Amino acid sequence: MARPRNPLLSRDRIVGAALALADAEGLAALSTRRLAAELGVSGPSLYNHFATKDALLDAVVDHVVGEVDLSMWEPSRSPAAPVDWALALLSWARSYRAALVAHPHLVPVLAQGPGRRANALRLADAVFGGLVDAGWPKADATRIGALMRYFVFGSALGSFAAGFVDDRQVYSEDYPHLGEAHLLAERRRQIDEGAFETGLAALVEGLAAQYGRLAGPDAG
């Protein structure tokens, strides 16, 4: 029997092509017609795997969440060496931001919350469970999870440095404290990553101080 010209469709192949298209051209380019053309198939064949475009988009963004490392929250096999929640929070936040920065066009959709997405729910469960197991009261663990999401998504949603033009004349006369602002854009990655690390350290250090004031694992 002759082999098919195109590989058989699968959910993974569709999701991979959709993600590549969204990364390259943005969500506006992600239509079933365009995706079918990229895959070399007819449009209706996609619906055998995803009933709606929203279902496909859910799968794409959940695939991105699946790139986030959660291993730092896995319980230790030794009771004498429990998970260090502060170090876990630092590592997880960095991995989360890296996944978002790699797929910037999907950040607004990801920010809507986990919904029914398996990887997103697994992430929420790991972080919340890790904090509670470390002794944080459930109410505090919930707030910390929300706080970290706000911070990580905010840092990935846009670039502070890229918001400044590279024209010295714009800042030379009326803005005396912005004499080097024209240099920010070319140092975008260094500045944006440095700002993230500065904020992340401040957040976790503040939480550590709060944690030290807890009366015990059942407090609150």
N, C-alpha and C. Protein backbone atom coordinates (compact mmCIF):
# COMPACT_ATOMS: atom_id res chain seq x y z
N MET A 1 0.85 -1.19 0.00
CA MET A 1 0.00 0.00 0.00
C MET A 1 0.89 1.25 0.00
N ALA A 2 0.53 2.20 -0.83
CA ALA A 2 1.30 3.44 -0.89
C ALA A 2 1.17 4.20 0.42
N ARG A 3 2.27 4.84 0.86
CA ARG A 3 2.24 5.61 2.09
C ARG A 3 1.55 6.94 1.82
N PRO A 4 0.80 7.47 2.78
CA PRO A 4 0.12 8.75 2.58
C PRO A 4 1.12 9.88 2.35
N ARG A 5 0.74 10.84 1.54
CA ARG A 5 1.63 11.95 1.24
C ARG A 5 1.95 12.75 2.50
N ASN A 6 0.96 12.95 3.34
CA ASN A 6 1.15 13.69 4.59
C ASN A 6 1.01 12.74 5.77
N PRO A 7 1.79 12.95 6.84
CA PRO A 7 1.63 12.12 8.02
C PRO A 7 0.20 12.21 8.55
N LEU A 8 -0.28 11.12 9.14
CA LEU A 8 -1.62 11.13 9.69
C LEU A 8 -1.75 12.19 10.77
N LEU A 9 -2.92 12.81 10.82
CA LEU A 9 -3.17 13.83 11.84
C LEU A 9 -3.24 13.22 13.22
N SER A 10 -2.77 13.97 14.18
CA SER A 10 -2.92 13.60 15.58
C SER A 10 -3.10 14.89 16.37
N ARG A 11 -3.58 14.78 17.59
CA ARG A 11 -3.74 15.97 18.42
C ARG A 11 -2.40 16.67 18.62
N ASP A 12 -1.36 15.89 18.86
CA ASP A 12 -0.05 16.50 19.11
C ASP A 12 0.46 17.24 17.88
N ARG A 13 0.25 16.66 16.71
CA ARG A 13 0.72 17.32 15.49
C ARG A 13 -0.05 18.61 15.24
N ILE A 14 -1.34 18.60 15.48
CA ILE A 14 -2.16 19.80 15.29
C ILE A 14 -1.74 20.88 16.28
N VAL A 15 -1.58 20.50 17.54
CA VAL A 15 -1.20 21.47 18.57
C VAL A 15 0.17 22.07 18.26
N GLY A 16 1.11 21.23 17.82
CA GLY A 16 2.44 21.74 17.50
C GLY A 16 2.41 22.74 16.35
N ALA A 17 1.62 22.45 15.33
CA ALA A 17 1.53 23.36 14.19
C ALA A 17 0.82 24.65 14.59
N ALA A 18 -0.21 24.54 15.40
CA ALA A 18 -0.94 25.73 15.86
C ALA A 18 -0.04 26.62 16.71
N LEU A 19 0.75 26.01 17.58
CA LEU A 19 1.65 26.78 18.42
C LEU A 19 2.71 27.49 17.58
N ALA A 20 3.26 26.80 16.61
CA ALA A 20 4.27 27.40 15.74
C ALA A 20 3.68 28.58 14.97
N LEU A 21 2.45 28.44 14.52
CA LEU A 21 1.79 29.51 13.78
C LEU A 21 1.53 30.72 14.67
N ALA A 22 1.03 30.47 15.89
CA ALA A 22 0.76 31.56 16.82
C ALA A 22 2.05 32.26 17.23
N ASP A 23 3.12 31.49 17.44
CA ASP A 23 4.40 32.09 17.82
C ASP A 23 4.94 32.98 16.70
N ALA A 24 4.78 32.54 15.48
CA ALA A 24 5.35 33.26 14.34
C ALA A 24 4.55 34.48 13.95
N GLU A 25 3.21 34.37 14.01
CA GLU A 25 2.38 35.44 13.44
C GLU A 25 1.31 35.98 14.38
N GLY A 26 1.19 35.42 15.56
CA GLY A 26 0.19 35.92 16.51
C GLY A 26 -1.11 35.16 16.43
N LEU A 27 -1.96 35.37 17.44
CA LEU A 27 -3.22 34.63 17.50
C LEU A 27 -4.16 34.95 16.35
N ALA A 28 -4.06 36.14 15.79
CA ALA A 28 -4.94 36.52 14.68
C ALA A 28 -4.75 35.61 13.48
N ALA A 29 -3.56 35.04 13.35
CA ALA A 29 -3.27 34.17 12.20
C ALA A 29 -3.78 32.75 12.42
N LEU A 30 -4.18 32.45 13.64
CA LEU A 30 -4.56 31.07 13.96
C LEU A 30 -6.04 30.83 13.64
N SER A 31 -6.28 30.41 12.42
CA SER A 31 -7.63 30.03 11.99
C SER A 31 -7.58 28.57 11.54
N THR A 32 -8.73 27.92 11.54
CA THR A 32 -8.76 26.52 11.11
C THR A 32 -8.36 26.40 9.64
N ARG A 33 -8.74 27.36 8.84
CA ARG A 33 -8.38 27.31 7.41
C ARG A 33 -6.87 27.41 7.23
N ARG A 34 -6.27 28.38 7.93
CA ARG A 34 -4.82 28.56 7.82
C ARG A 34 -4.08 27.35 8.38
N LEU A 35 -4.55 26.85 9.51
CA LEU A 35 -3.89 25.71 10.14
C LEU A 35 -3.98 24.47 9.25
N ALA A 36 -5.14 24.26 8.64
CA ALA A 36 -5.30 23.12 7.74
C ALA A 36 -4.34 23.22 6.56
N ALA A 37 -4.17 24.44 6.04
CA ALA A 37 -3.24 24.64 4.94
C ALA A 37 -1.81 24.34 5.36
N GLU A 38 -1.44 24.75 6.56
CA GLU A 38 -0.09 24.48 7.07
C GLU A 38 0.15 22.98 7.21
N LEU A 39 -0.89 22.26 7.58
CA LEU A 39 -0.77 20.82 7.79
C LEU A 39 -0.97 20.01 6.51
N GLY A 40 -1.46 20.68 5.48
CA GLY A 40 -1.70 19.99 4.21
C GLY A 40 -2.90 19.07 4.24
N VAL A 41 -3.95 19.49 4.99
CA VAL A 41 -5.15 18.68 5.11
C VAL A 41 -6.37 19.56 4.85
N SER A 42 -7.52 18.95 4.80
CA SER A 42 -8.75 19.72 4.65
C SER A 42 -9.20 20.24 6.02
N GLY A 43 -9.85 21.38 6.02
CA GLY A 43 -10.30 22.00 7.27
C GLY A 43 -11.15 21.09 8.14
N PRO A 44 -12.17 20.42 7.56
CA PRO A 44 -13.04 19.58 8.39
C PRO A 44 -12.31 18.46 9.12
N SER A 45 -11.16 18.03 8.61
CA SER A 45 -10.44 16.93 9.27
C SER A 45 -9.94 17.34 10.66
N LEU A 46 -9.75 18.64 10.86
CA LEU A 46 -9.30 19.10 12.18
C LEU A 46 -10.35 18.86 13.25
N TYR A 47 -11.62 18.92 12.83
CA TYR A 47 -12.71 18.78 13.80
C TYR A 47 -12.86 17.35 14.30
N ASN A 48 -12.16 16.42 13.69
CA ASN A 48 -12.15 15.06 14.24
C ASN A 48 -11.37 15.00 15.54
N HIS A 49 -10.53 16.01 15.75
CA HIS A 49 -9.68 16.05 16.95
C HIS A 49 -10.07 17.17 17.90
N PHE A 50 -10.56 18.28 17.37
CA PHE A 50 -10.97 19.42 18.19
C PHE A 50 -12.32 19.92 17.67
N ALA A 51 -13.31 19.89 18.54
CA ALA A 51 -14.67 20.24 18.10
C ALA A 51 -14.80 21.71 17.74
N THR A 52 -14.03 22.57 18.40
CA THR A 52 -14.10 24.01 18.15
C THR A 52 -12.71 24.62 18.15
N LYS A 53 -12.61 25.82 17.65
CA LYS A 53 -11.34 26.54 17.69
C LYS A 53 -10.93 26.83 19.13
N ASP A 54 -11.92 27.11 19.98
CA ASP A 54 -11.61 27.37 21.40
C ASP A 54 -10.99 26.14 22.06
N ALA A 55 -11.49 24.95 21.70
CA ALA A 55 -10.92 23.72 22.26
C ALA A 55 -9.47 23.55 21.81
N LEU A 56 -9.20 23.90 20.56
CA LEU A 56 -7.83 23.83 20.05
C LEU A 56 -6.94 24.82 20.78
N LEU A 57 -7.42 26.05 20.97
CA LEU A 57 -6.63 27.06 21.66
C LEU A 57 -6.35 26.65 23.10
N ASP A 58 -7.34 26.05 23.74
CA ASP A 58 -7.13 25.53 25.09
C ASP A 58 -5.98 24.52 25.12
N ALA A 59 -5.97 23.64 24.13
CA ALA A 59 -4.92 22.62 24.07
C ALA A 59 -3.55 23.24 23.82
N VAL A 60 -3.52 24.27 23.01
CA VAL A 60 -2.25 24.94 22.69
C VAL A 60 -1.69 25.63 23.94
N VAL A 61 -2.51 26.40 24.63
CA VAL A 61 -2.00 27.11 25.79
C VAL A 61 -1.66 26.14 26.93
N ASP A 62 -2.41 25.04 27.03
CA ASP A 62 -2.09 24.07 28.07
C ASP A 62 -0.77 23.36 27.75
N HIS A 63 -0.48 23.22 26.48
CA HIS A 63 0.82 22.66 26.09
C HIS A 63 1.95 23.57 26.58
N VAL A 64 1.75 24.87 26.48
CA VAL A 64 2.76 25.83 26.96
C VAL A 64 2.94 25.70 28.47
N VAL A 65 1.83 25.59 29.20
CA VAL A 65 1.92 25.43 30.65
C VAL A 65 2.68 24.14 30.99
N GLY A 66 2.53 23.13 30.15
CA GLY A 66 3.23 21.88 30.36
C GLY A 66 4.74 22.01 30.26
N GLU A 67 5.23 23.12 29.70
CA GLU A 67 6.67 23.35 29.61
C GLU A 67 7.25 23.85 30.93
N VAL A 68 6.38 24.25 31.87
CA VAL A 68 6.86 24.78 33.15
C VAL A 68 7.33 23.64 34.04
N ASP A 69 8.53 23.79 34.59
CA ASP A 69 9.11 22.78 35.47
C ASP A 69 8.41 22.81 36.82
N LEU A 70 7.92 21.67 37.28
CA LEU A 70 7.28 21.56 38.59
C LEU A 70 8.04 20.62 39.51
N SER A 71 9.18 20.15 39.06
CA SER A 71 9.90 19.13 39.83
C SER A 71 10.34 19.64 41.20
N MET A 72 10.52 20.95 41.33
CA MET A 72 10.98 21.50 42.62
C MET A 72 9.93 21.37 43.72
N TRP A 73 8.68 21.09 43.34
CA TRP A 73 7.61 20.93 44.32
C TRP A 73 7.38 19.48 44.71
N GLU A 74 8.09 18.56 44.09
CA GLU A 74 7.89 17.14 44.41
C GLU A 74 8.36 16.85 45.83
N PRO A 75 7.54 16.15 46.60
CA PRO A 75 7.91 15.86 48.00
C PRO A 75 9.22 15.09 48.08
N SER A 76 10.02 15.44 49.05
CA SER A 76 11.27 14.74 49.27
C SER A 76 11.01 13.34 49.83
N ARG A 77 11.85 12.40 49.45
CA ARG A 77 11.71 11.05 49.98
C ARG A 77 12.17 10.97 51.44
N SER A 78 12.91 11.99 51.85
CA SER A 78 13.42 12.01 53.22
C SER A 78 12.64 13.01 54.06
N PRO A 79 11.97 12.56 55.12
CA PRO A 79 11.24 13.48 55.99
C PRO A 79 12.16 14.53 56.61
N ALA A 80 13.43 14.20 56.71
CA ALA A 80 14.38 15.15 57.30
C ALA A 80 14.77 16.26 56.34
N ALA A 81 14.40 16.13 55.08
CA ALA A 81 14.74 17.14 54.08
C ALA A 81 13.50 17.54 53.30
N PRO A 82 12.59 18.27 53.94
CA PRO A 82 11.36 18.68 53.24
C PRO A 82 11.66 19.69 52.14
N VAL A 83 10.68 19.92 51.29
CA VAL A 83 10.83 20.89 50.20
C VAL A 83 11.06 22.29 50.79
N ASP A 84 12.07 22.98 50.31
CA ASP A 84 12.32 24.36 50.70
C ASP A 84 11.40 25.24 49.86
N TRP A 85 10.31 25.71 50.46
CA TRP A 85 9.28 26.42 49.70
C TRP A 85 9.82 27.68 49.03
N ALA A 86 10.76 28.39 49.69
CA ALA A 86 11.29 29.63 49.12
C ALA A 86 12.12 29.35 47.87
N LEU A 87 13.00 28.36 47.94
CA LEU A 87 13.79 28.00 46.76
C LEU A 87 12.91 27.45 45.65
N ALA A 88 11.89 26.67 46.04
CA ALA A 88 10.96 26.13 45.04
C ALA A 88 10.21 27.26 44.35
N LEU A 89 9.80 28.26 45.11
CA LEU A 89 9.06 29.38 44.54
C LEU A 89 9.93 30.15 43.55
N LEU A 90 11.20 30.34 43.89
CA LEU A 90 12.12 31.04 43.00
C LEU A 90 12.31 30.27 41.69
N SER A 91 12.59 28.98 41.79
CA SER A 91 12.84 28.16 40.60
C SER A 91 11.60 28.06 39.73
N TRP A 92 10.44 27.87 40.37
CA TRP A 92 9.20 27.74 39.62
C TRP A 92 8.86 29.03 38.89
N ALA A 93 9.00 30.16 39.55
CA ALA A 93 8.68 31.44 38.92
C ALA A 93 9.57 31.69 37.70
N ARG A 94 10.83 31.34 37.81
CA ARG A 94 11.74 31.52 36.67
C ARG A 94 11.36 30.63 35.50
N SER A 95 11.00 29.38 35.80
CA SER A 95 10.60 28.47 34.74
C SER A 95 9.29 28.93 34.10
N TYR A 96 8.37 29.40 34.92
CA TYR A 96 7.08 29.88 34.42
C TYR A 96 7.27 31.07 33.49
N ARG A 97 8.09 32.03 33.92
CA ARG A 97 8.32 33.20 33.08
C ARG A 97 9.00 32.81 31.77
N ALA A 98 9.96 31.88 31.84
CA ALA A 98 10.65 31.45 30.62
C ALA A 98 9.68 30.87 29.61
N ALA A 99 8.71 30.09 30.08
CA ALA A 99 7.72 29.51 29.17
C ALA A 99 6.85 30.60 28.55
N LEU A 100 6.50 31.60 29.33
CA LEU A 100 5.66 32.68 28.80
C LEU A 100 6.42 33.55 27.82
N VAL A 101 7.67 33.87 28.15
CA VAL A 101 8.47 34.71 27.27
C VAL A 101 8.72 34.02 25.93
N ALA A 102 8.79 32.69 25.95
CA ALA A 102 9.00 31.93 24.71
C ALA A 102 7.78 31.96 23.80
N HIS A 103 6.61 32.26 24.38
CA HIS A 103 5.36 32.27 23.60
C HIS A 103 4.54 33.52 23.95
N PRO A 104 5.06 34.70 23.66
CA PRO A 104 4.44 35.95 24.13
C PRO A 104 3.03 36.19 23.62
N HIS A 105 2.71 35.70 22.42
CA HIS A 105 1.38 35.95 21.88
C HIS A 105 0.28 35.22 22.66
N LEU A 106 0.67 34.21 23.42
CA LEU A 106 -0.32 33.42 24.16
C LEU A 106 -0.51 33.88 25.60
N VAL A 107 0.30 34.83 26.03
CA VAL A 107 0.23 35.29 27.42
C VAL A 107 -1.16 35.79 27.81
N PRO A 108 -1.83 36.62 26.99
CA PRO A 108 -3.16 37.09 27.39
C PRO A 108 -4.17 35.96 27.60
N VAL A 109 -4.08 34.90 26.81
CA VAL A 109 -5.00 33.77 26.97
C VAL A 109 -4.63 32.97 28.21
N LEU A 110 -3.35 32.76 28.42
CA LEU A 110 -2.89 32.03 29.60
C LEU A 110 -3.27 32.74 30.88
N ALA A 111 -3.31 34.07 30.85
CA ALA A 111 -3.61 34.85 32.05
C ALA A 111 -5.06 34.72 32.50
N GLN A 112 -5.90 34.13 31.67
CA GLN A 112 -7.32 34.00 32.02
C GLN A 112 -7.57 32.96 33.10
N GLY A 113 -6.60 32.12 33.39
CA GLY A 113 -6.78 31.14 34.45
C GLY A 113 -6.80 29.73 33.92
N PRO A 114 -6.75 28.74 34.81
CA PRO A 114 -6.61 27.35 34.38
C PRO A 114 -7.84 26.74 33.74
N GLY A 115 -9.04 27.19 34.14
CA GLY A 115 -10.25 26.58 33.59
C GLY A 115 -10.26 25.08 33.83
N ARG A 116 -10.37 24.32 32.74
CA ARG A 116 -10.35 22.85 32.83
C ARG A 116 -9.07 22.25 32.27
N ARG A 117 -8.05 23.09 32.04
CA ARG A 117 -6.82 22.62 31.40
C ARG A 117 -6.00 21.79 32.38
N ALA A 118 -5.65 20.58 31.95
CA ALA A 118 -5.00 19.62 32.85
C ALA A 118 -3.65 20.11 33.36
N ASN A 119 -2.80 20.60 32.47
CA ASN A 119 -1.48 21.04 32.91
C ASN A 119 -1.56 22.26 33.82
N ALA A 120 -2.48 23.16 33.51
CA ALA A 120 -2.65 24.36 34.34
C ALA A 120 -3.16 23.99 35.73
N LEU A 121 -4.08 23.04 35.79
CA LEU A 121 -4.59 22.58 37.09
C LEU A 121 -3.50 21.83 37.85
N ARG A 122 -2.69 21.08 37.14
CA ARG A 122 -1.58 20.35 37.79
C ARG A 122 -0.59 21.35 38.38
N LEU A 123 -0.34 22.43 37.67
CA LEU A 123 0.56 23.47 38.17
C LEU A 123 -0.01 24.10 39.43
N ALA A 124 -1.28 24.49 39.39
CA ALA A 124 -1.90 25.11 40.56
C ALA A 124 -1.88 24.17 41.76
N ASP A 125 -2.14 22.90 41.50
CA ASP A 125 -2.16 21.91 42.57
C ASP A 125 -0.77 21.74 43.19
N ALA A 126 0.26 21.72 42.35
CA ALA A 126 1.62 21.53 42.84
C ALA A 126 2.08 22.70 43.71
N VAL A 127 1.81 23.92 43.25
CA VAL A 127 2.27 25.10 43.99
C VAL A 127 1.49 25.25 45.30
N PHE A 128 0.18 25.17 45.22
CA PHE A 128 -0.64 25.30 46.42
C PHE A 128 -0.31 24.18 47.42
N GLY A 129 -0.23 22.95 46.93
CA GLY A 129 0.08 21.83 47.80
C GLY A 129 1.45 21.96 48.43
N GLY A 130 2.43 22.42 47.65
CA GLY A 130 3.78 22.57 48.17
C GLY A 130 3.85 23.61 49.27
N LEU A 131 3.12 24.71 49.10
CA LEU A 131 3.12 25.76 50.12
C LEU A 131 2.42 25.30 51.40
N VAL A 132 1.29 24.63 51.23
CA VAL A 132 0.55 24.14 52.40
C VAL A 132 1.38 23.09 53.14
N ASP A 133 1.99 22.18 52.40
CA ASP A 133 2.82 21.15 53.02
C ASP A 133 4.00 21.76 53.78
N ALA A 134 4.45 22.95 53.32
CA ALA A 134 5.57 23.61 53.97
C ALA A 134 5.16 24.38 55.23
N GLY A 135 3.84 24.42 55.49
CA GLY A 135 3.37 25.08 56.70
C GLY A 135 2.60 26.36 56.50
N TRP A 136 2.42 26.78 55.24
CA TRP A 136 1.61 27.98 55.01
C TRP A 136 0.14 27.65 55.22
N PRO A 137 -0.60 28.50 55.92
CA PRO A 137 -2.06 28.31 55.99
C PRO A 137 -2.66 28.37 54.59
N LYS A 138 -3.76 27.66 54.39
CA LYS A 138 -4.35 27.56 53.05
C LYS A 138 -4.71 28.92 52.47
N ALA A 139 -5.23 29.82 53.31
CA ALA A 139 -5.60 31.15 52.80
C ALA A 139 -4.37 31.89 52.30
N ASP A 140 -3.26 31.79 53.04
CA ASP A 140 -2.03 32.45 52.62
C ASP A 140 -1.46 31.81 51.36
N ALA A 141 -1.52 30.49 51.29
CA ALA A 141 -1.01 29.79 50.10
C ALA A 141 -1.78 30.20 48.86
N THR A 142 -3.09 30.39 49.00
CA THR A 142 -3.91 30.85 47.88
C THR A 142 -3.48 32.24 47.43
N ARG A 143 -3.27 33.13 48.39
CA ARG A 143 -2.87 34.50 48.06
C ARG A 143 -1.47 34.54 47.44
N ILE A 144 -0.58 33.70 47.94
CA ILE A 144 0.78 33.67 47.38
C ILE A 144 0.75 33.17 45.93
N GLY A 145 -0.06 32.15 45.67
CA GLY A 145 -0.18 31.66 44.30
C GLY A 145 -0.70 32.74 43.37
N ALA A 146 -1.71 33.50 43.83
CA ALA A 146 -2.25 34.59 43.01
C ALA A 146 -1.21 35.68 42.82
N LEU A 147 -0.52 36.04 43.90
CA LEU A 147 0.52 37.07 43.83
C LEU A 147 1.59 36.72 42.81
N MET A 148 2.06 35.48 42.84
CA MET A 148 3.12 35.08 41.94
C MET A 148 2.65 35.09 40.49
N ARG A 149 1.40 34.70 40.27
CA ARG A 149 0.85 34.75 38.91
C ARG A 149 0.82 36.19 38.40
N TYR A 150 0.35 37.11 39.25
CA TYR A 150 0.30 38.52 38.84
C TYR A 150 1.70 39.00 38.44
N PHE A 151 2.67 38.66 39.27
CA PHE A 151 4.03 39.14 39.03
C PHE A 151 4.64 38.51 37.79
N VAL A 152 4.54 37.20 37.66
CA VAL A 152 5.15 36.51 36.53
C VAL A 152 4.50 36.94 35.22
N PHE A 153 3.17 36.99 35.20
CA PHE A 153 2.50 37.38 33.96
C PHE A 153 2.77 38.83 33.61
N GLY A 154 2.79 39.70 34.63
CA GLY A 154 3.09 41.10 34.36
C GLY A 154 4.46 41.29 33.75
N SER A 155 5.43 40.51 34.24
CA SER A 155 6.79 40.63 33.73
C SER A 155 6.92 40.10 32.30
N ALA A 156 6.04 39.18 31.94
CA ALA A 156 6.11 38.58 30.60
C ALA A 156 5.23 39.28 29.58
N LEU A 157 4.32 40.12 30.06
CA LEU A 157 3.33 40.72 29.17
C LEU A 157 3.90 41.81 28.28
N GLY A 158 4.92 42.47 28.75
CA GLY A 158 5.52 43.53 27.95
C GLY A 158 6.92 43.85 28.44
N SER A 159 7.62 44.70 27.71
CA SER A 159 8.98 45.07 28.06
C SER A 159 9.03 46.52 28.49
N PHE A 160 9.53 46.77 29.69
CA PHE A 160 9.74 48.15 30.15
C PHE A 160 10.77 48.84 29.27
N ALA A 161 11.89 48.17 29.04
CA ALA A 161 12.99 48.79 28.31
C ALA A 161 12.61 49.14 26.87
N ALA A 162 11.82 48.26 26.25
CA ALA A 162 11.45 48.49 24.85
C ALA A 162 10.50 49.67 24.67
N GLY A 163 9.98 50.20 25.76
CA GLY A 163 9.05 51.32 25.67
C GLY A 163 9.73 52.66 25.45
N PHE A 164 11.05 52.69 25.48
CA PHE A 164 11.79 53.94 25.28
C PHE A 164 12.43 53.94 23.89
N VAL A 165 12.32 55.06 23.20
CA VAL A 165 12.91 55.17 21.86
C VAL A 165 14.42 55.42 21.99
N ASP A 166 15.14 55.12 20.93
CA ASP A 166 16.60 55.25 20.98
C ASP A 166 17.09 56.60 20.45
N ASP A 167 16.27 57.63 20.59
CA ASP A 167 16.62 58.97 20.13
C ASP A 167 16.96 59.84 21.34
N ARG A 168 18.23 60.19 21.49
CA ARG A 168 18.68 60.99 22.64
C ARG A 168 17.93 62.32 22.75
N GLN A 169 17.58 62.92 21.62
CA GLN A 169 16.95 64.23 21.62
C GLN A 169 15.59 64.24 22.31
N VAL A 170 14.92 63.10 22.33
CA VAL A 170 13.60 63.02 22.96
C VAL A 170 13.69 63.35 24.45
N TYR A 171 14.81 63.00 25.07
CA TYR A 171 14.93 63.12 26.52
C TYR A 171 15.89 64.23 26.97
N SER A 172 16.58 64.87 26.06
CA SER A 172 17.70 65.72 26.44
C SER A 172 17.34 66.98 27.20
N GLU A 173 16.19 67.60 26.91
CA GLU A 173 15.89 68.90 27.49
C GLU A 173 14.84 68.85 28.59
N ASP A 174 13.72 68.23 28.31
CA ASP A 174 12.60 68.30 29.25
C ASP A 174 12.64 67.24 30.35
N TYR A 175 13.49 66.24 30.20
CA TYR A 175 13.51 65.13 31.16
C TYR A 175 14.95 64.92 31.65
N PRO A 176 15.39 65.76 32.59
CA PRO A 176 16.80 65.76 32.99
C PRO A 176 17.29 64.46 33.61
N HIS A 177 16.40 63.65 34.14
CA HIS A 177 16.81 62.40 34.77
C HIS A 177 16.81 61.22 33.79
N LEU A 178 16.44 61.48 32.54
CA LEU A 178 16.38 60.41 31.54
C LEU A 178 17.45 60.57 30.46
N GLY A 179 18.59 61.09 30.86
CA GLY A 179 19.66 61.35 29.90
C GLY A 179 20.18 60.13 29.19
N GLU A 180 20.01 58.94 29.79
CA GLU A 180 20.47 57.71 29.15
C GLU A 180 19.33 56.79 28.76
N ALA A 181 18.12 57.31 28.75
CA ALA A 181 16.95 56.47 28.44
C ALA A 181 16.99 55.94 27.02
N HIS A 182 17.69 56.65 26.13
CA HIS A 182 17.76 56.19 24.75
C HIS A 182 18.56 54.89 24.62
N LEU A 183 19.28 54.52 25.67
CA LEU A 183 20.08 53.29 25.64
C LEU A 183 19.32 52.06 26.12
N LEU A 184 18.14 52.28 26.71
CA LEU A 184 17.41 51.18 27.33
C LEU A 184 16.99 50.10 26.34
N ALA A 185 16.50 50.51 25.17
CA ALA A 185 15.96 49.54 24.22
C ALA A 185 17.00 48.50 23.81
N GLU A 186 18.24 48.93 23.59
CA GLU A 186 19.26 47.99 23.14
C GLU A 186 19.72 47.07 24.27
N ARG A 187 19.37 47.42 25.51
CA ARG A 187 19.71 46.58 26.66
C ARG A 187 18.46 45.90 27.22
N ARG A 188 17.52 45.69 26.35
CA ARG A 188 16.20 45.21 26.75
C ARG A 188 16.25 43.94 27.60
N ARG A 189 16.92 42.91 27.11
CA ARG A 189 16.91 41.64 27.83
C ARG A 189 17.56 41.77 29.21
N GLN A 190 18.71 42.43 29.25
CA GLN A 190 19.41 42.61 30.52
C GLN A 190 18.55 43.35 31.54
N ILE A 191 17.88 44.40 31.11
CA ILE A 191 17.07 45.21 32.01
C ILE A 191 15.82 44.46 32.46
N ASP A 192 15.13 43.85 31.49
CA ASP A 192 13.88 43.17 31.83
C ASP A 192 14.11 41.97 32.74
N GLU A 193 15.15 41.19 32.45
CA GLU A 193 15.45 40.04 33.30
C GLU A 193 15.96 40.49 34.67
N GLY A 194 16.74 41.57 34.69
CA GLY A 194 17.22 42.10 35.95
C GLY A 194 16.09 42.61 36.82
N ALA A 195 15.12 43.27 36.19
CA ALA A 195 13.96 43.76 36.94
C ALA A 195 13.15 42.61 37.51
N PHE A 196 12.98 41.56 36.71
CA PHE A 196 12.25 40.39 37.19
C PHE A 196 12.96 39.78 38.39
N GLU A 197 14.27 39.60 38.31
CA GLU A 197 15.02 38.99 39.40
C GLU A 197 14.99 39.87 40.65
N THR A 198 15.06 41.18 40.47
CA THR A 198 14.99 42.09 41.62
C THR A 198 13.65 41.98 42.32
N GLY A 199 12.58 41.99 41.54
CA GLY A 199 11.25 41.88 42.12
C GLY A 199 11.00 40.53 42.74
N LEU A 200 11.47 39.47 42.08
CA LEU A 200 11.27 38.12 42.59
C LEU A 200 11.97 37.95 43.93
N ALA A 201 13.20 38.42 44.03
CA ALA A 201 13.93 38.32 45.29
C ALA A 201 13.22 39.09 46.40
N ALA A 202 12.73 40.28 46.08
CA ALA A 202 12.04 41.09 47.08
C ALA A 202 10.76 40.40 47.56
N LEU A 203 10.03 39.82 46.63
CA LEU A 203 8.79 39.13 46.99
C LEU A 203 9.07 37.94 47.91
N VAL A 204 10.01 37.10 47.51
CA VAL A 204 10.27 35.89 48.29
C VAL A 204 10.89 36.24 49.64
N GLU A 205 11.76 37.24 49.69
CA GLU A 205 12.33 37.65 50.97
C GLU A 205 11.23 38.19 51.90
N GLY A 206 10.30 38.94 51.34
CA GLY A 206 9.18 39.44 52.15
C GLY A 206 8.30 38.32 52.65
N LEU A 207 8.05 37.33 51.80
CA LEU A 207 7.25 36.18 52.22
C LEU A 207 7.99 35.37 53.28
N ALA A 208 9.31 35.27 53.17
CA ALA A 208 10.08 34.54 54.16
C ALA A 208 9.97 35.21 55.53
N ALA A 209 9.97 36.54 55.54
CA ALA A 209 9.82 37.25 56.80
C ALA A 209 8.43 36.99 57.39
N GLN A 210 7.42 36.98 56.53
CA GLN A 210 6.07 36.71 56.99
C GLN A 210 5.95 35.27 57.50
N TYR A 211 6.59 34.36 56.79
CA TYR A 211 6.56 32.95 57.20
C TYR A 211 7.18 32.76 58.59
N GLY A 212 8.23 33.52 58.84
CA GLY A 212 8.89 33.42 60.13
C GLY A 212 8.02 33.87 61.29
N ARG A 213 6.99 34.66 60.98
CA ARG A 213 6.10 35.16 62.04
C ARG A 213 4.90 34.25 62.28
N LEU A 214 4.78 33.20 61.47
CA LEU A 214 3.65 32.30 61.66
C LEU A 214 3.75 31.59 63.00
N ALA A 215 2.63 31.44 63.66
CA ALA A 215 2.64 30.77 64.95
C ALA A 215 2.86 29.28 64.80
N GLY A 216 2.55 28.73 63.66
CA GLY A 216 2.70 27.30 63.43
C GLY A 216 1.97 26.90 62.17
N PRO A 217 2.06 25.63 61.76
CA PRO A 217 1.44 25.19 60.51
C PRO A 217 -0.08 25.29 60.51
N ASP A 218 -0.69 25.39 61.67
CA ASP A 218 -2.14 25.49 61.73
C ASP A 218 -2.62 26.91 61.96
N ALA A 219 -1.68 27.87 61.92
CA ALA A 219 -2.08 29.24 62.18
C ALA A 219 -2.95 29.76 61.07
N GLY A 220 -3.86 30.67 61.40
CA GLY A 220 -4.72 31.31 60.40
C GLY A 220 -5.88 30.47 60.04
